[in-house]
Every structure is written in structure tokens, then in C-alpha cells.
Amino acid sequence: MPEHSTGQATPAGERVVALFAPRLLDPSSGRVISNALIIIRGERVESVTEDALGPAKADDPRFKGAASFQSIVFPAASTVLPGLVDSHTHALLQPMDAVTSPVLHKSQAYRAIEGVAGARRTLEAGFTTVRDVDSEGAGFADVALRDAINRGIVPGPRMFVSGNPLTITGGYMNLLGYSPDITLPDLGVPTDSIAAMIAVVRRNMKYGVDLIKIYTSGSLPQVTPDFEPFSQFSVDEVKAVVAEAARWHKDVAAHAYGGVPARNAIEGGVRSIEHGLFLDDGIIELLVKKGVFWCPTLHVYTAEPGLERFGEAFMDAVKARHKKGFQAAIKAGAKIAFGTDAGGFEHGANAQEFRVMVDHGMTPLQAIRSATVVGAELLRKEKDLGAVAPGHLADIIAVDGDPLRDVTVLEHVKFVMKGGAVVKQQLPEPARTAG
């Protein structure tokens, strides 16, 4: 019975949870471990025993002194795997906000309440960690939501947030088409000089963000007929933002559809490219060479309300280009991180991204890795996230069936544990809870 353990002494007085999983998927290796006994003490995994003879008992001498003991047995048809990571969400955004601007019709307080509801749905869907890239005009409500979750005030995933994004005057995340005679709020912060960009980075740091978001390309209406996106930041400007963020030990995520904006972002040193609708072979080669991550967010371009205003032919062409780039990136070995743009569609429906990734050429294992191993690496949290292993945070989910055969089972998560605490349990017999 091979056992992997932290090798540390067991502290007394902590809560112990023992999970017995007939099938445990290790996304890193692709192995399915049979009859795994997972011991969780406090918020972290203490040990994982392969080919265990059966569930742990409360009288096991290893658990002497534990404050409480809980034993959970998963049905034979279940697959247990690490909690999922969505690397591109918008907790303060709702689907209809794409049609009616939220900064004109909702208070930030109301949007924060919407965010609380969405965060709970996201967690219960099995996404125990999210990277939230842009509050979409809700100021630092994403920081507040993150902190409220961390303090146990409201339930939700572990959040890494970016606060207010950087854009330019007249660019994406501005309210365009309104009278110049009235002052309106913007979805992002216009920054028209390097000095202004550095000032906004510093202000974001002051109020507690985890990363910086920049818009190096414009929006879909600003794309030329030959699919060249509007460029908003030069290489030197991106480098200045990246350098200032690095002083604070933070990374930069860049909204970039392709072309010059994507090249400028990559050459400027960003950690990730978001969306990348029109990445060509040259950009993908550069992406791989520089080790930059890509969050393609495929599903949202079918699911978001209001896309019909661009015309069916245009959107079909956009999705075809996106698919082609995605397939080329898989072949090139790019670091593709699972990202959904949730908020553009309903929070909690994040797992629908998996079926599109697989339909577009990923294997189910590659797609699962993108939402576990790769997501953890993007966040620089490989020692905490993305695996059910000793020393890692006990973020664990379970589904009915085998996601390596049918990735859509991840759309129906039955069990969620975050940091050693069970937050969702819909297990049929023979699940047992004791103690």
C-alpha cells in the first residue's frame, strides 16, 4: 500500500477528514489511483495512500487527539479529483450587463451582492479557485468579495483579483457613444501616459489587488474587416506596467485578441494573454518561446447575450479563427489555462468550457490539466493547488462517472471540499459521515 505523506508530526486538536475514493484522478500524471485513502488535517492534505484496504476508522491511532473526525466513502462509480481553477472570471458581472451597462443602472453595493450569489454558485460547481480579471466598473468590490470569502463571511472560491483594469481614452472599457457634455463612469481606468499607467498600478496595489489587468487591444467593434484588432498599448507601455507590477511581486494579464496588441503584450512581459481570438502561428510561436499563458475563453462567444448585434457571419468567422488558433496552440505545446469569462454567462456554468475545449481538439485529460495543474502554475501556486497531494490545500471535488471518457460529467459536480471543509455533498449511498 504505497503512501505519500508530508512526513510531519500530526498536531493534536485539529479536525480530521478521511476520504475513501475508489477512483482518484491525478491530472499531472494522468493516473487513476485505485482505492485511495486521503487524510486531511485542518485545511491541507496530510497523506494519500494508494490501494488502501478500506475507509479509515475514528479509532485509528493516527487520529488520536483530533478535535473531530469525519469519514466519507465515495461510490464506486465516482471519480475524485482536485478542485478546479477558472483563470478568467468576472465575479461582479452578470450576463445582461453585456447588453445594459451596469455602471449606469446598478450601484456598486448591488453588484457586490450579485457577486456574493455568483461566488457561491461557482464554488458549488466545483471551482474552488478563480482568477478574477477586472471588476468591470465595480471598483474594488472584487477585493471586498475576496476578503469576505477568506474571512468566512460568505461562501465562495479562493479568489485572486485585479480590481480596476488599465485602458486608454476612447478604448475598450470606456463608455462610448454618449454626450461629451456629461460625465459618466467608465468600466476601466483610462491611462494615456506611462506615468498615468504606473499611478493606476500603484493605486490598485494600495487597495489590495493580486494582479494587474490591461487592455492591449480594443473591443470587437474595433476589429478591422480583416480581423486586425485595435492596438491600445505599445511594447514600452506594457513593459512599464509589467515592471511596476513586478516591484510589488505581481503579474499582469492582458486582454489581447491577436496581431500587434498580442505581440506587444507578449514582448512586454505579461504573464497571460486573455481571449486571443485571432492568434496566428507567429504569435503562438512567440507565446510558447516566452512561456506566456493563454486563457482562450471559448464558450462565452456562443453564450454571451447581445453578440447577435455583430451579425451571424462575423461571429461565425470569429469563432472559426479562434478554433484554428486554439488547435495550433495545442499542437505547439502552449500553456493553455482554463478560463471562461464567467459573468458573460451565468456563474456556476463554468464547466461548459470543457466540452468546447474537447470539441476543438483537446483530450479530456488536457482540458482537466488546464483547470488544475496549469491554472495552479499560472497563479504560481503549484505547492498549494492543482493536486490532491500531501501538503496541498484540501480542495477536492467528485463527479459521477469518468471525466476522462466524458468530460461533461464535470458539469454536474456532486461533492466539493475547499480547504478541508465540505461545502457540497450530494453523494448517494454508500456515503457515510461519522463523528
Protein backbone atom coordinates (compact mmCIF):
# COMPACT_ATOMS: atom_id res chain seq x y z
CA MET A 1 0.00 0.00 0.00
CA PRO A 2 2.16 2.91 -1.19
CA GLU A 3 1.64 6.00 0.93
CA HIS A 4 2.59 9.57 0.22
CA SER A 5 2.75 11.81 3.28
CA THR A 6 4.00 15.19 4.41
CA GLY A 7 6.29 13.36 6.83
CA GLN A 8 5.40 15.84 9.58
CA ALA A 9 4.17 15.06 13.04
CA THR A 10 0.42 15.16 13.45
CA PRO A 11 -0.65 18.14 15.57
CA ALA A 12 -3.35 17.48 18.13
CA GLY A 13 -6.67 19.28 18.34
CA GLU A 14 -7.30 19.69 14.61
CA ARG A 15 -10.23 18.48 12.56
CA VAL A 16 -9.52 15.32 10.57
CA VAL A 17 -11.40 14.21 7.47
CA ALA A 18 -10.77 10.84 5.83
CA LEU A 19 -11.91 10.34 2.23
CA PHE A 20 -12.01 6.88 0.68
CA ALA A 21 -12.03 7.22 -3.11
CA PRO A 22 -12.30 4.10 -5.29
CA ARG A 23 -11.00 6.32 -8.13
CA LEU A 24 -8.71 9.32 -7.66
CA LEU A 25 -7.51 11.16 -10.77
CA ASP A 26 -4.05 12.71 -10.68
CA PRO A 27 -4.17 15.27 -13.53
CA SER A 28 -0.42 15.76 -13.58
CA SER A 29 0.41 12.15 -14.45
CA GLY A 30 -2.95 11.15 -15.86
CA ARG A 31 -3.04 8.18 -13.49
CA VAL A 32 -6.24 6.97 -11.91
CA ILE A 33 -5.35 5.77 -8.41
CA SER A 34 -7.47 2.92 -7.09
CA ASN A 35 -8.81 2.80 -3.54
CA ALA A 36 -7.15 6.00 -2.37
CA LEU A 37 -7.37 6.93 1.30
CA ILE A 38 -6.96 10.69 1.62
CA ILE A 39 -6.32 12.03 5.11
CA ILE A 40 -6.97 15.74 5.60
CA ARG A 41 -5.92 17.56 8.72
CA GLY A 42 -7.09 21.12 9.03
CA GLU A 43 -7.06 22.73 5.60
CA ARG A 44 -4.39 20.58 3.96
CA VAL A 45 -3.90 17.03 2.74
CA GLU A 46 -1.80 15.07 5.21
CA SER A 47 -1.41 11.81 3.30
CA VAL A 48 -2.63 9.86 0.28
CA THR A 49 -2.48 6.05 0.48
CA GLU A 50 -2.89 4.02 -2.69
CA ASP A 51 -4.61 0.61 -2.67
CA ALA A 52 -5.92 1.17 0.85
CA LEU A 53 -7.80 -1.76 2.33
CA GLY A 54 -10.79 0.35 3.27
CA PRO A 55 -12.06 3.55 4.88
CA ALA A 56 -10.29 4.99 7.90
CA LYS A 57 -11.76 4.50 11.37
CA ALA A 58 -12.06 7.09 14.10
CA ASP A 59 -10.08 4.86 16.49
CA ASP A 60 -7.05 4.80 14.19
CA PRO A 61 -4.09 5.80 16.42
CA ARG A 62 -3.05 8.38 13.79
CA PHE A 63 -6.10 10.44 14.71
CA LYS A 64 -5.59 10.45 18.47
CA GLY A 65 -6.13 13.92 19.82
CA ALA A 66 -8.07 15.15 16.79
CA ALA A 67 -10.72 17.71 17.65
CA SER A 68 -13.21 15.93 15.36
CA PHE A 69 -13.22 13.13 12.82
CA GLN A 70 -15.25 12.72 9.64
CA SER A 71 -15.18 9.77 7.25
CA ILE A 72 -16.61 9.94 3.74
CA VAL A 73 -16.80 7.00 1.34
CA PHE A 74 -17.39 7.73 -2.34
CA PRO A 75 -19.45 5.37 -4.51
CA ALA A 76 -17.51 3.07 -6.82
CA ALA A 77 -18.66 4.97 -9.94
CA SER A 78 -17.33 8.29 -8.64
CA THR A 79 -14.14 9.99 -9.72
CA VAL A 80 -12.38 12.23 -7.23
CA LEU A 81 -10.02 14.96 -8.45
CA PRO A 82 -8.54 18.31 -7.38
CA GLY A 83 -10.75 21.36 -7.11
CA LEU A 84 -10.96 23.24 -10.40
CA VAL A 85 -9.33 26.57 -11.25
CA ASP A 86 -11.06 29.08 -13.55
CA SER A 87 -8.37 31.51 -14.63
CA HIS A 88 -10.67 34.12 -16.19
CA THR A 89 -13.84 35.22 -14.43
CA HIS A 90 -15.73 38.44 -13.66
CA ALA A 91 -17.48 38.00 -10.32
CA LEU A 92 -19.08 41.45 -10.44
CA LEU A 93 -20.52 40.97 -13.92
CA GLN A 94 -23.82 39.36 -14.90
CA PRO A 95 -24.86 38.17 -18.39
CA MET A 96 -27.30 41.00 -19.11
CA ASP A 97 -24.63 43.56 -18.19
CA ALA A 98 -23.26 42.90 -21.68
CA VAL A 99 -26.45 44.47 -23.05
CA THR A 100 -27.17 47.18 -20.45
CA SER A 101 -24.10 48.75 -18.87
CA PRO A 102 -24.03 48.01 -15.13
CA VAL A 103 -22.24 51.26 -14.25
CA LEU A 104 -25.31 53.17 -15.43
CA HIS A 105 -28.02 51.02 -13.88
CA LYS A 106 -26.61 49.35 -10.75
CA SER A 107 -24.90 50.57 -7.61
CA GLN A 108 -21.60 49.01 -6.65
CA ALA A 109 -23.28 47.75 -3.47
CA TYR A 110 -25.92 45.92 -5.51
CA ARG A 111 -23.28 44.46 -7.78
CA ALA A 112 -21.34 43.21 -4.77
CA ILE A 113 -24.46 41.37 -3.59
CA GLU A 114 -24.82 39.83 -7.04
CA GLY A 115 -21.17 38.80 -6.74
CA VAL A 116 -21.85 37.01 -3.47
CA ALA A 117 -24.57 34.92 -5.13
CA GLY A 118 -22.38 34.14 -8.13
CA ALA A 119 -19.42 33.20 -5.95
CA ARG A 120 -21.47 30.59 -4.14
CA ARG A 121 -22.70 29.07 -7.42
CA THR A 122 -19.15 28.98 -8.73
CA LEU A 123 -17.86 27.16 -5.66
CA GLU A 124 -20.72 24.66 -5.68
CA ALA A 125 -19.92 23.94 -9.35
CA GLY A 126 -16.51 22.65 -8.25
CA PHE A 127 -14.39 25.73 -8.95
CA THR A 128 -12.56 26.18 -5.68
CA THR A 129 -10.22 28.85 -7.09
CA VAL A 130 -10.75 31.67 -9.59
CA ARG A 131 -8.60 34.41 -11.07
CA ASP A 132 -10.97 37.36 -11.40
CA VAL A 133 -9.69 39.66 -14.12
CA ASP A 134 -11.45 43.03 -13.92
CA SER A 135 -14.26 44.24 -11.66
CA GLU A 136 -15.97 45.73 -14.77
CA GLY A 137 -16.55 49.14 -13.22
CA ALA A 138 -17.33 47.92 -9.71
CA GLY A 139 -14.21 49.48 -8.22
CA PHE A 140 -12.62 47.30 -5.57
CA ALA A 141 -15.74 45.27 -4.82
CA ASP A 142 -13.79 42.22 -6.04
CA VAL A 143 -11.22 42.81 -3.29
CA ALA A 144 -14.04 43.08 -0.75
CA LEU A 145 -15.64 39.88 -2.01
CA ARG A 146 -12.32 38.04 -1.86
CA ASP A 147 -11.73 39.21 1.69
CA ALA A 148 -15.25 38.33 2.82
CA ILE A 149 -14.79 34.81 1.44
CA ASN A 150 -11.38 34.44 3.07
CA ARG A 151 -12.83 35.51 6.42
CA GLY A 152 -15.71 33.04 6.18
CA ILE A 153 -18.40 35.72 5.96
CA VAL A 154 -19.78 34.37 2.69
CA PRO A 155 -19.06 31.14 0.77
CA GLY A 156 -17.09 31.26 -2.45
CA PRO A 157 -13.97 30.14 -4.25
CA ARG A 158 -10.46 31.21 -3.39
CA MET A 159 -10.17 34.46 -5.37
CA PHE A 160 -7.22 36.24 -6.96
CA VAL A 161 -8.47 39.65 -8.09
CA SER A 162 -7.31 42.52 -10.30
CA GLY A 163 -9.52 45.48 -9.31
CA ASN A 164 -9.62 48.27 -11.90
CA PRO A 165 -8.13 47.50 -15.33
CA LEU A 166 -5.95 49.82 -17.38
CA THR A 167 -7.21 51.01 -20.76
CA ILE A 168 -6.96 54.20 -22.86
CA THR A 169 -9.27 57.13 -23.52
CA GLY A 170 -11.64 56.09 -26.31
CA GLY A 171 -10.68 52.45 -25.97
CA TYR A 172 -12.25 49.29 -24.62
CA MET A 173 -13.86 49.62 -21.17
CA ASN A 174 -14.82 53.25 -21.90
CA LEU A 175 -18.47 54.19 -22.26
CA LEU A 176 -18.55 55.25 -25.90
CA GLY A 177 -21.28 56.99 -27.88
CA TYR A 178 -22.63 59.24 -25.12
CA SER A 179 -22.79 63.03 -24.96
CA PRO A 180 -19.44 64.71 -24.18
CA ASP A 181 -21.39 67.23 -22.11
CA ILE A 182 -21.99 64.79 -19.25
CA THR A 183 -19.51 62.93 -17.05
CA LEU A 184 -20.04 59.18 -16.94
CA PRO A 185 -18.21 56.42 -15.07
CA ASP A 186 -16.06 54.02 -17.04
CA LEU A 187 -15.65 50.26 -16.80
CA GLY A 188 -11.85 50.67 -16.78
CA VAL A 189 -9.35 53.41 -15.97
CA PRO A 190 -8.17 55.48 -18.97
CA THR A 191 -4.37 55.83 -18.84
CA ASP A 192 -2.81 57.86 -21.64
CA SER A 193 0.81 58.05 -20.49
CA ILE A 194 3.32 55.78 -18.81
CA ALA A 195 3.18 57.98 -15.71
CA ALA A 196 -0.60 57.56 -15.55
CA MET A 197 -0.29 53.79 -16.01
CA ILE A 198 2.20 53.49 -13.16
CA ALA A 199 -0.05 55.61 -10.94
CA VAL A 200 -3.02 53.30 -11.54
CA VAL A 201 -0.91 50.21 -10.86
CA ARG A 202 0.17 51.76 -7.56
CA ARG A 203 -3.39 52.69 -6.63
CA ASN A 204 -4.52 49.12 -7.34
CA MET A 205 -1.74 47.82 -5.12
CA LYS A 206 -2.73 50.24 -2.38
CA TYR A 207 -6.19 48.70 -2.26
CA GLY A 208 -5.06 45.10 -2.26
CA VAL A 209 -5.23 43.52 -5.72
CA ASP A 210 -3.47 40.25 -6.56
CA LEU A 211 -2.67 41.03 -10.20
CA ILE A 212 -2.96 43.77 -12.81
CA LYS A 213 -5.23 43.65 -15.89
CA ILE A 214 -4.53 45.68 -19.01
CA TYR A 215 -6.44 46.02 -22.28
CA THR A 216 -3.81 45.95 -25.02
CA SER A 217 -6.48 45.51 -27.69
CA GLY A 218 -9.85 47.12 -28.25
CA SER A 219 -13.29 45.52 -28.40
CA LEU A 220 -14.97 43.55 -31.18
CA PRO A 221 -16.48 46.67 -32.84
CA GLN A 222 -12.92 47.99 -33.18
CA VAL A 223 -11.71 44.95 -35.15
CA THR A 224 -11.00 45.65 -38.84
CA PRO A 225 -12.72 43.63 -41.60
CA ASP A 226 -9.54 41.56 -41.96
CA PHE A 227 -9.62 40.82 -38.20
CA GLU A 228 -6.82 43.12 -37.08
CA PRO A 229 -7.64 44.27 -33.53
CA PHE A 230 -7.21 47.87 -32.45
CA SER A 231 -3.93 48.35 -30.56
CA GLN A 232 -4.10 50.27 -27.26
CA PHE A 233 -0.64 49.90 -25.66
CA SER A 234 2.87 49.95 -27.11
CA VAL A 235 5.58 47.49 -26.08
CA ASP A 236 7.26 50.17 -23.96
CA GLU A 237 4.00 50.95 -22.19
CA VAL A 238 3.38 47.28 -21.45
CA LYS A 239 6.94 46.92 -20.18
CA ALA A 240 6.40 49.87 -17.83
CA VAL A 241 3.23 48.32 -16.39
CA VAL A 242 4.87 44.90 -16.03
CA ALA A 243 7.94 46.40 -14.35
CA GLU A 244 5.87 48.37 -11.85
CA ALA A 245 3.70 45.34 -11.06
CA ALA A 246 6.84 43.24 -10.61
CA ARG A 247 8.12 45.69 -7.99
CA TRP A 248 5.08 44.66 -5.97
CA HIS A 249 5.64 40.98 -6.86
CA LYS A 250 2.51 40.87 -9.01
CA ASP A 251 1.79 39.60 -12.53
CA VAL A 252 -0.03 41.22 -15.44
CA ALA A 253 -2.86 39.73 -17.51
CA ALA A 254 -3.50 41.25 -20.94
CA HIS A 255 -6.77 41.32 -22.85
CA ALA A 256 -5.41 40.82 -26.37
CA TYR A 257 -7.25 39.45 -29.38
CA GLY A 258 -4.17 38.95 -31.55
CA GLY A 259 -1.99 40.83 -34.03
CA VAL A 260 0.01 43.84 -32.82
CA PRO A 261 -1.75 44.03 -29.42
CA ALA A 262 -0.93 40.40 -28.60
CA ARG A 263 2.66 40.75 -29.80
CA ASN A 264 3.13 43.93 -27.75
CA ALA A 265 1.72 42.21 -24.66
CA ILE A 266 3.96 39.16 -25.03
CA GLU A 267 7.08 41.18 -25.82
CA GLY A 268 6.21 43.45 -22.91
CA GLY A 269 6.39 40.56 -20.46
CA VAL A 270 2.80 39.83 -19.41
CA ARG A 271 2.02 36.62 -17.57
CA SER A 272 -1.02 35.74 -19.68
CA ILE A 273 -2.97 36.56 -22.82
CA GLU A 274 -6.75 36.65 -22.37
CA HIS A 275 -9.14 35.59 -25.17
CA GLY A 276 -6.67 35.63 -28.09
CA LEU A 277 -9.37 35.37 -30.74
CA PHE A 278 -7.03 35.89 -33.68
CA LEU A 279 -3.71 34.34 -32.65
CA ASP A 280 -1.74 33.27 -35.71
CA ASP A 281 1.22 30.89 -35.97
CA GLY A 282 3.76 33.66 -35.40
CA ILE A 283 2.08 34.90 -32.23
CA ILE A 284 1.68 31.34 -30.94
CA GLU A 285 5.36 30.64 -31.59
CA LEU A 286 6.25 33.76 -29.60
CA LEU A 287 3.79 32.79 -26.85
CA VAL A 288 5.49 29.41 -26.46
CA LYS A 289 9.00 30.85 -26.66
CA LYS A 290 8.30 33.38 -23.90
CA GLY A 291 6.39 30.89 -21.72
CA VAL A 292 3.30 33.10 -21.64
CA PHE A 293 -0.01 31.51 -20.64
CA TRP A 294 -3.17 31.74 -22.74
CA CYS A 295 -6.76 31.76 -21.43
CA PRO A 296 -8.82 31.29 -24.62
CA THR A 297 -12.37 31.59 -23.13
CA LEU A 298 -14.07 29.71 -25.98
CA HIS A 299 -17.61 29.11 -24.74
CA VAL A 300 -18.51 32.73 -23.98
CA TYR A 301 -18.55 33.67 -27.69
CA THR A 302 -21.58 31.44 -28.09
CA ALA A 303 -23.22 32.08 -24.71
CA GLU A 304 -22.96 35.83 -24.02
CA PRO A 305 -26.14 37.85 -24.63
CA GLY A 306 -26.02 40.58 -27.28
CA LEU A 307 -23.45 39.03 -29.61
CA GLU A 308 -26.08 38.90 -32.34
CA ARG A 309 -25.60 42.64 -32.83
CA PHE A 310 -22.31 41.86 -34.59
CA GLY A 311 -24.04 39.67 -37.16
CA GLU A 312 -24.03 35.90 -37.53
CA ALA A 313 -21.47 35.83 -40.34
CA PHE A 314 -18.99 37.95 -38.38
CA MET A 315 -19.32 35.88 -35.20
CA ASP A 316 -19.04 32.61 -37.13
CA ALA A 317 -15.80 33.90 -38.64
CA VAL A 318 -14.53 34.99 -35.22
CA LYS A 319 -15.22 31.57 -33.72
CA ALA A 320 -13.62 29.80 -36.68
CA ARG A 321 -10.43 31.87 -36.28
CA HIS A 322 -10.48 31.26 -32.53
CA LYS A 323 -10.80 27.49 -33.03
CA LYS A 324 -7.97 27.44 -35.56
CA GLY A 325 -5.67 29.31 -33.16
CA PHE A 326 -6.65 27.01 -30.30
CA GLN A 327 -5.80 23.92 -32.31
CA ALA A 328 -2.48 25.42 -33.40
CA ALA A 329 -1.64 26.28 -29.78
CA ILE A 330 -2.34 22.73 -28.63
CA LYS A 331 -0.04 21.39 -31.34
CA ALA A 332 2.67 23.92 -30.43
CA GLY A 333 2.57 22.97 -26.75
CA ALA A 334 1.35 26.35 -25.48
CA LYS A 335 0.44 26.78 -21.82
CA ILE A 336 -3.34 26.87 -22.14
CA ALA A 337 -5.12 27.72 -18.90
CA PHE A 338 -8.82 27.03 -18.43
CA GLY A 339 -10.69 30.34 -18.45
CA THR A 340 -14.34 31.01 -19.10
CA ASP A 341 -15.21 34.73 -18.91
CA ALA A 342 -17.97 33.72 -16.48
CA GLY A 343 -20.14 36.75 -15.89
CA GLY A 344 -20.56 36.95 -19.65
CA PHE A 345 -22.73 33.90 -18.98
CA GLU A 346 -24.13 32.51 -15.74
CA HIS A 347 -21.78 31.96 -12.82
CA GLY A 348 -21.78 28.29 -11.93
CA ALA A 349 -21.95 27.18 -15.58
CA ASN A 350 -18.15 27.46 -15.89
CA ALA A 351 -17.64 23.77 -16.67
CA GLN A 352 -19.36 24.13 -20.05
CA GLU A 353 -15.97 25.37 -21.27
CA PHE A 354 -14.64 21.81 -21.01
CA ARG A 355 -16.87 20.42 -23.75
CA VAL A 356 -15.82 23.19 -26.17
CA MET A 357 -12.14 22.60 -25.44
CA VAL A 358 -12.56 18.90 -26.15
CA ASP A 359 -14.71 19.54 -29.23
CA HIS A 360 -11.91 21.80 -30.51
CA GLY A 361 -9.20 19.17 -30.15
CA MET A 362 -8.05 18.78 -26.55
CA THR A 363 -8.19 15.41 -24.87
CA PRO A 364 -10.29 15.35 -21.70
CA LEU A 365 -7.09 14.96 -19.68
CA GLN A 366 -5.53 18.03 -21.32
CA ALA A 367 -8.66 20.04 -20.56
CA ILE A 368 -8.66 18.88 -16.92
CA ARG A 369 -4.97 19.72 -16.60
CA SER A 370 -5.71 23.22 -17.90
CA ALA A 371 -8.14 23.67 -14.98
CA THR A 372 -5.87 22.16 -12.33
CA VAL A 373 -2.13 21.87 -12.95
CA VAL A 374 -1.83 24.75 -15.46
CA GLY A 375 -4.14 27.03 -13.50
CA ALA A 376 -2.06 26.48 -10.38
CA GLU A 377 1.13 27.25 -12.31
CA LEU A 378 -0.34 30.43 -13.77
CA LEU A 379 -1.12 31.63 -10.24
CA ARG A 380 2.32 30.49 -9.01
CA LYS A 381 0.52 28.26 -6.51
CA GLU A 382 1.78 24.83 -7.60
CA LYS A 383 2.55 23.89 -3.98
CA ASP A 384 -1.00 24.66 -2.87
CA LEU A 385 -3.37 23.98 -5.77
CA GLY A 386 -3.97 21.64 -8.69
CA ALA A 387 -3.32 18.30 -6.99
CA VAL A 388 -4.62 16.02 -4.26
CA ALA A 389 -1.25 15.51 -2.63
CA PRO A 390 0.39 15.84 0.78
CA GLY A 391 0.93 19.46 1.75
CA HIS A 392 -1.54 20.82 -0.80
CA LEU A 393 -4.70 22.63 0.20
CA ALA A 394 -7.54 20.14 0.50
CA ASP A 395 -9.54 21.43 -2.47
CA ILE A 396 -11.25 18.29 -3.73
CA ILE A 397 -14.29 17.51 -5.89
CA ALA A 398 -16.09 14.37 -7.03
CA VAL A 399 -18.30 13.55 -10.01
CA ASP A 400 -20.38 10.57 -11.09
CA GLY A 401 -18.60 8.71 -13.87
CA ASP A 402 -15.27 9.10 -15.60
CA PRO A 403 -14.34 12.59 -16.89
CA LEU A 404 -11.55 11.05 -18.98
CA ARG A 405 -14.24 9.35 -21.05
CA ASP A 406 -16.93 12.00 -20.85
CA VAL A 407 -15.68 15.44 -19.81
CA THR A 408 -19.26 16.74 -19.49
CA VAL A 409 -19.67 14.93 -16.16
CA LEU A 410 -17.71 17.88 -14.75
CA GLU A 411 -20.83 19.97 -15.36
CA HIS A 412 -22.53 18.02 -12.55
CA VAL A 413 -20.21 18.05 -9.55
CA LYS A 414 -21.61 16.09 -6.61
CA PHE A 415 -19.07 16.85 -3.90
CA VAL A 416 -16.97 19.92 -3.15
CA MET A 417 -14.39 20.42 -0.43
CA LYS A 418 -12.47 23.67 -0.08
CA GLY A 419 -9.60 23.94 2.34
CA GLY A 420 -10.67 20.80 4.19
CA ALA A 421 -14.29 21.92 4.69
CA VAL A 422 -17.13 20.16 2.88
CA VAL A 423 -19.26 22.77 1.11
CA LYS A 424 -21.39 20.46 -1.05
CA GLN A 425 -22.28 16.80 -0.67
CA GLN A 426 -24.80 15.08 -2.92
CA LEU A 427 -23.48 11.54 -2.67
CA PRO A 428 -25.78 8.52 -2.91
CA GLU A 429 -25.28 5.51 -0.69
CA PRO A 430 -22.86 4.19 0.49
CA ALA A 431 -21.59 7.61 1.57
CA ARG A 432 -21.21 7.76 5.33
CA THR A 433 -20.38 10.56 7.70
CA ALA A 434 -19.33 9.83 11.27
CA GLY A 435 -18.14 11.68 14.32
